[in-house]
């Protein structure tokens, strides 16, 4: 495999990992379970 191509691939992978890390960081700051979205019409089956 060409060394330049390998270096480019590693660089691209690093960029993708950085983007993924940023996305996960944003998601981690997003409150998901703080409040129920809409439980007015929720049906509880016992």
PDB file of N, CA and C in Angstrom:
ATOM      1  N   UNK A   1       0.849  -1.190   0.000  1.00  0.00           N
ATOM      2  CA  UNK A   1       0.000   0.000   0.000  1.00  0.00           C
ATOM      3  C   UNK A   1       0.888   1.245   0.000  1.00  0.00           C
ATOM      4  N   UNK A   2       0.484   2.223  -0.739  1.00  0.00           N
ATOM      5  CA  UNK A   2       1.250   3.460  -0.840  1.00  0.00           C
ATOM      6  C   UNK A   2       1.255   4.180   0.508  1.00  0.00           C
ATOM      7  N   UNK A   3       2.446   4.639   0.949  1.00  0.00           N
ATOM      8  CA  UNK A   3       2.543   5.296   2.253  1.00  0.00           C
ATOM      9  C   UNK A   3       1.711   6.574   2.303  1.00  0.00           C
ATOM     10  N   UNK A   4       1.685   7.321   1.194  1.00  0.00           N
ATOM     11  CA  UNK A   4       0.903   8.554   1.168  1.00  0.00           C
ATOM     12  C   UNK A   4      -0.585   8.248   1.337  1.00  0.00           C
ATOM     13  N   UNK A   5      -1.035   7.194   0.673  1.00  0.00           N
ATOM     14  CA  UNK A   5      -2.442   6.808   0.776  1.00  0.00           C
ATOM     15  C   UNK A   5      -2.764   6.360   2.200  1.00  0.00           C
ATOM     16  N   UNK A   6      -1.838   5.621   2.814  1.00  0.00           N
ATOM     17  CA  UNK A   6      -2.051   5.161   4.186  1.00  0.00           C
ATOM     18  C   UNK A   6      -2.130   6.352   5.134  1.00  0.00           C
ATOM     19  N   UNK A   7      -1.254   7.328   4.936  1.00  0.00           N
ATOM     20  CA  UNK A   7      -1.254   8.504   5.797  1.00  0.00           C
ATOM     21  C   UNK A   7      -2.547   9.293   5.615  1.00  0.00           C
ATOM     22  N   UNK A   8      -3.021   9.384   4.389  1.00  0.00           N
ATOM     23  CA  UNK A   8      -4.263  10.099   4.122  1.00  0.00           C
ATOM     24  C   UNK A   8      -5.428   9.387   4.803  1.00  0.00           C
ATOM     25  N   UNK A   9      -5.442   8.067   4.710  1.00  0.00           N
ATOM     26  CA  UNK A   9      -6.522   7.313   5.323  1.00  0.00           C
ATOM     27  C   UNK A   9      -6.524   7.508   6.835  1.00  0.00           C
ATOM     28  N   UNK A  10      -5.336   7.465   7.436  1.00  0.00           N
ATOM     29  CA  UNK A  10      -5.243   7.667   8.880  1.00  0.00           C
ATOM     30  C   UNK A  10      -5.721   9.067   9.238  1.00  0.00           C
ATOM     31  N   UNK A  11      -5.367  10.037   8.412  1.00  0.00           N
ATOM     32  CA  UNK A  11      -5.792  11.416   8.659  1.00  0.00           C
ATOM     33  C   UNK A  11      -7.305  11.530   8.567  1.00  0.00           C
ATOM     34  N   UNK A  12      -7.879  10.877   7.559  1.00  0.00           N
ATOM     35  CA  UNK A  12      -9.332  10.927   7.402  1.00  0.00           C
ATOM     36  C   UNK A  12     -10.027  10.250   8.576  1.00  0.00           C
ATOM     37  N   UNK A  13      -9.468   9.111   9.011  1.00  0.00           N
ATOM     38  CA  UNK A  13     -10.042   8.406  10.161  1.00  0.00           C
ATOM     39  C   UNK A  13      -9.975   9.286  11.403  1.00  0.00           C
ATOM     40  N   UNK A  14      -8.849   9.970  11.579  1.00  0.00           N
ATOM     41  CA  UNK A  14      -8.695  10.852  12.735  1.00  0.00           C
ATOM     42  C   UNK A  14      -9.732  11.968  12.701  1.00  0.00           C
ATOM     43  N   UNK A  15      -9.985  12.509  11.514  1.00  0.00           N
ATOM     44  CA  UNK A  15     -10.984  13.570  11.383  1.00  0.00           C
ATOM     45  C   UNK A  15     -12.375  13.043  11.719  1.00  0.00           C
ATOM     46  N   UNK A  16     -12.677  11.833  11.257  1.00  0.00           N
ATOM     47  CA  UNK A  16     -13.984  11.248  11.545  1.00  0.00           C
ATOM     48  C   UNK A  16     -14.145  10.979  13.037  1.00  0.00           C
ATOM     49  N   UNK A  17     -13.071  10.498  13.673  1.00  0.00           N
ATOM     50  CA  UNK A  17     -13.131  10.244  15.110  1.00  0.00           C
ATOM     51  C   UNK A  17     -13.325  11.543  15.882  1.00  0.00           C
ATOM     52  N   UNK A  18     -12.686  12.607  15.420  1.00  0.00           N
ATOM     53  CA  UNK A  18     -12.838  13.900  16.081  1.00  0.00           C
ATOM     54  C   UNK A  18     -14.277  14.394  15.947  1.00  0.00           C
ATOM     55  N   UNK A  19     -14.852  14.215  14.767  1.00  0.00           N
ATOM     56  CA  UNK A  19     -16.237  14.631  14.548  1.00  0.00           C
ATOM     57  C   UNK A  19     -17.183  13.795  15.410  1.00  0.00           C
ATOM     58  N   UNK A  20     -16.907  12.496  15.496  1.00  0.00           N
ATOM     59  CA  UNK A  20     -17.736  11.618  16.317  1.00  0.00           C
ATOM     60  C   UNK A  20     -17.633  12.000  17.788  1.00  0.00           C
ATOM     61  N   UNK A  21     -16.419  12.294  18.230  1.00  0.00           N
ATOM     62  CA  UNK A  21     -16.221  12.692  19.627  1.00  0.00           C
ATOM     63  C   UNK A  21     -16.992  13.975  19.933  1.00  0.00           C
ATOM     64  N   UNK A  22     -16.972  14.918  19.003  1.00  0.00           N
ATOM     65  CA  UNK A  22     -17.693  16.174  19.206  1.00  0.00           C
ATOM     66  C   UNK A  22     -19.196  15.920  19.274  1.00  0.00           C
ATOM     67  N   UNK A  23     -19.684  15.048  18.399  1.00  0.00           N
ATOM     68  CA  UNK A  23     -21.109  14.719  18.392  1.00  0.00           C
ATOM     69  C   UNK A  23     -21.518  14.042  19.692  1.00  0.00           C
ATOM     70  N   UNK A  24     -20.713  13.070  20.132  1.00  0.00           N
ATOM     71  CA  UNK A  24     -21.029  12.375  21.376  1.00  0.00           C
ATOM     72  C   UNK A  24     -20.972  13.327  22.563  1.00  0.00           C
ATOM     73  N   UNK A  25     -20.048  14.264  22.519  1.00  0.00           N
ATOM     74  CA  UNK A  25     -19.939  15.247  23.597  1.00  0.00           C
ATOM     75  C   UNK A  25     -21.201  16.099  23.663  1.00  0.00           C
ATOM     76  N   UNK A  26     -21.703  16.512  22.501  1.00  0.00           N
ATOM     77  CA  UNK A  26     -22.936  17.297  22.459  1.00  0.00           C
ATOM     78  C   UNK A  26     -24.117  16.472  22.961  1.00  0.00           C
ATOM     79  N   UNK A  27     -24.168  15.199  22.554  1.00  0.00           N
ATOM     80  CA  UNK A  27     -25.268  14.347  22.999  1.00  0.00           C
ATOM     81  C   UNK A  27     -25.210  14.125  24.504  1.00  0.00           C
ATOM     82  N   UNK A  28     -24.003  14.034  25.046  1.00  0.00           N
ATOM     83  CA  UNK A  28     -23.852  13.803  26.480  1.00  0.00           C
ATOM     84  C   UNK A  28     -24.389  14.982  27.276  1.00  0.00           C
ATOM     85  N   UNK A  29     -24.361  16.178  26.690  1.00  0.00           N
ATOM     86  CA  UNK A  29     -24.851  17.370  27.369  1.00  0.00           C
ATOM     87  C   UNK A  29     -26.358  17.550  27.190  1.00  0.00           C
ATOM     88  N   UNK A  30     -26.956  16.749  26.321  1.00  0.00           N
ATOM     89  CA  UNK A  30     -28.384  16.880  26.039  1.00  0.00           C
ATOM     90  C   UNK A  30     -29.200  16.096  27.059  1.00  0.00           C
ATOM     91  N   UNK A  31     -30.066  16.771  27.800  1.00  0.00           N
ATOM     92  CA  UNK A  31     -30.906  16.043  28.759  1.00  0.00           C
ATOM     93  C   UNK A  31     -31.929  15.188  28.016  1.00  0.00           C
ATOM     94  N   UNK A  32     -31.906  13.899  28.291  1.00  0.00           N
ATOM     95  CA  UNK A  32     -32.799  12.997  27.581  1.00  0.00           C
ATOM     96  C   UNK A  32     -33.977  12.603  28.461  1.00  0.00           C
ATOM     97  N   UNK A  33     -33.694  12.328  29.727  1.00  0.00           N
ATOM     98  CA  UNK A  33     -34.736  11.803  30.606  1.00  0.00           C
ATOM     99  C   UNK A  33     -35.145  12.778  31.702  1.00  0.00           C
ATOM    100  N   UNK A  34     -34.827  14.068  31.519  1.00  0.00           N
ATOM    101  CA  UNK A  34     -35.182  15.033  32.551  1.00  0.00           C
ATOM    102  C   UNK A  34     -36.697  15.155  32.714  1.00  0.00           C
ATOM    103  N   UNK A  35     -37.394  15.252  31.592  1.00  0.00           N
ATOM    104  CA  UNK A  35     -38.845  15.390  31.644  1.00  0.00           C
ATOM    105  C   UNK A  35     -39.483  14.455  30.619  1.00  0.00           C
ATOM    106  N   UNK A  36     -40.578  13.818  30.971  1.00  0.00           N
ATOM    107  CA  UNK A  36     -41.296  13.015  29.975  1.00  0.00           C
ATOM    108  C   UNK A  36     -41.814  13.925  28.862  1.00  0.00           C
ATOM    109  N   UNK A  37     -41.709  13.488  27.648  1.00  0.00           N
ATOM    110  CA  UNK A  37     -42.128  14.313  26.518  1.00  0.00           C
ATOM    111  C   UNK A  37     -43.630  14.565  26.569  1.00  0.00           C
ATOM    112  N   UNK A  38     -44.412  13.496  26.738  1.00  0.00           N
ATOM    113  CA  UNK A  38     -45.869  13.645  26.792  1.00  0.00           C
ATOM    114  C   UNK A  38     -46.459  12.400  27.436  1.00  0.00           C
ATOM    115  N   UNK A  39     -46.675  12.455  28.736  1.00  0.00           N
ATOM    116  CA  UNK A  39     -47.245  11.289  29.405  1.00  0.00           C
ATOM    117  C   UNK A  39     -48.709  11.497  29.779  1.00  0.00           C
ATOM    118  N   UNK A  40     -49.313  12.556  29.220  1.00  0.00           N
ATOM    119  CA  UNK A  40     -50.723  12.804  29.499  1.00  0.00           C
ATOM    120  C   UNK A  40     -51.600  11.664  28.979  1.00  0.00           C
ATOM    121  N   UNK A  41     -51.243  11.160  27.807  1.00  0.00           N
ATOM    122  CA  UNK A  41     -52.041  10.109  27.183  1.00  0.00           C
ATOM    123  C   UNK A  41     -51.411   8.731  27.349  1.00  0.00           C
ATOM    124  N   UNK A  42     -50.454   8.628  28.253  1.00  0.00           N
ATOM    125  CA  UNK A  42     -49.769   7.350  28.435  1.00  0.00           C
ATOM    126  C   UNK A  42     -50.729   6.319  29.024  1.00  0.00           C
ATOM    127  N   UNK A  43     -50.606   5.108  28.521  1.00  0.00           N
ATOM    128  CA  UNK A  43     -51.426   4.022  29.040  1.00  0.00           C
ATOM    129  C   UNK A  43     -50.519   3.056  29.790  1.00  0.00           C
ATOM    130  N   UNK A  44     -50.853   2.804  31.049  1.00  0.00           N
ATOM    131  CA  UNK A  44     -50.053   1.889  31.839  1.00  0.00           C
ATOM    132  C   UNK A  44     -50.778   0.555  31.911  1.00  0.00           C
ATOM    133  N   UNK A  45     -50.126  -0.477  31.408  1.00  0.00           N
ATOM    134  CA  UNK A  45     -50.734  -1.803  31.402  1.00  0.00           C
ATOM    135  C   UNK A  45     -50.166  -2.598  32.564  1.00  0.00           C
ATOM    136  N   UNK A  46     -51.062  -3.077  33.437  1.00  0.00           N
ATOM    137  CA  UNK A  46     -50.582  -3.841  34.590  1.00  0.00           C
ATOM    138  C   UNK A  46     -50.809  -5.330  34.367  1.00  0.00           C
TER     139      UNK A  46
END
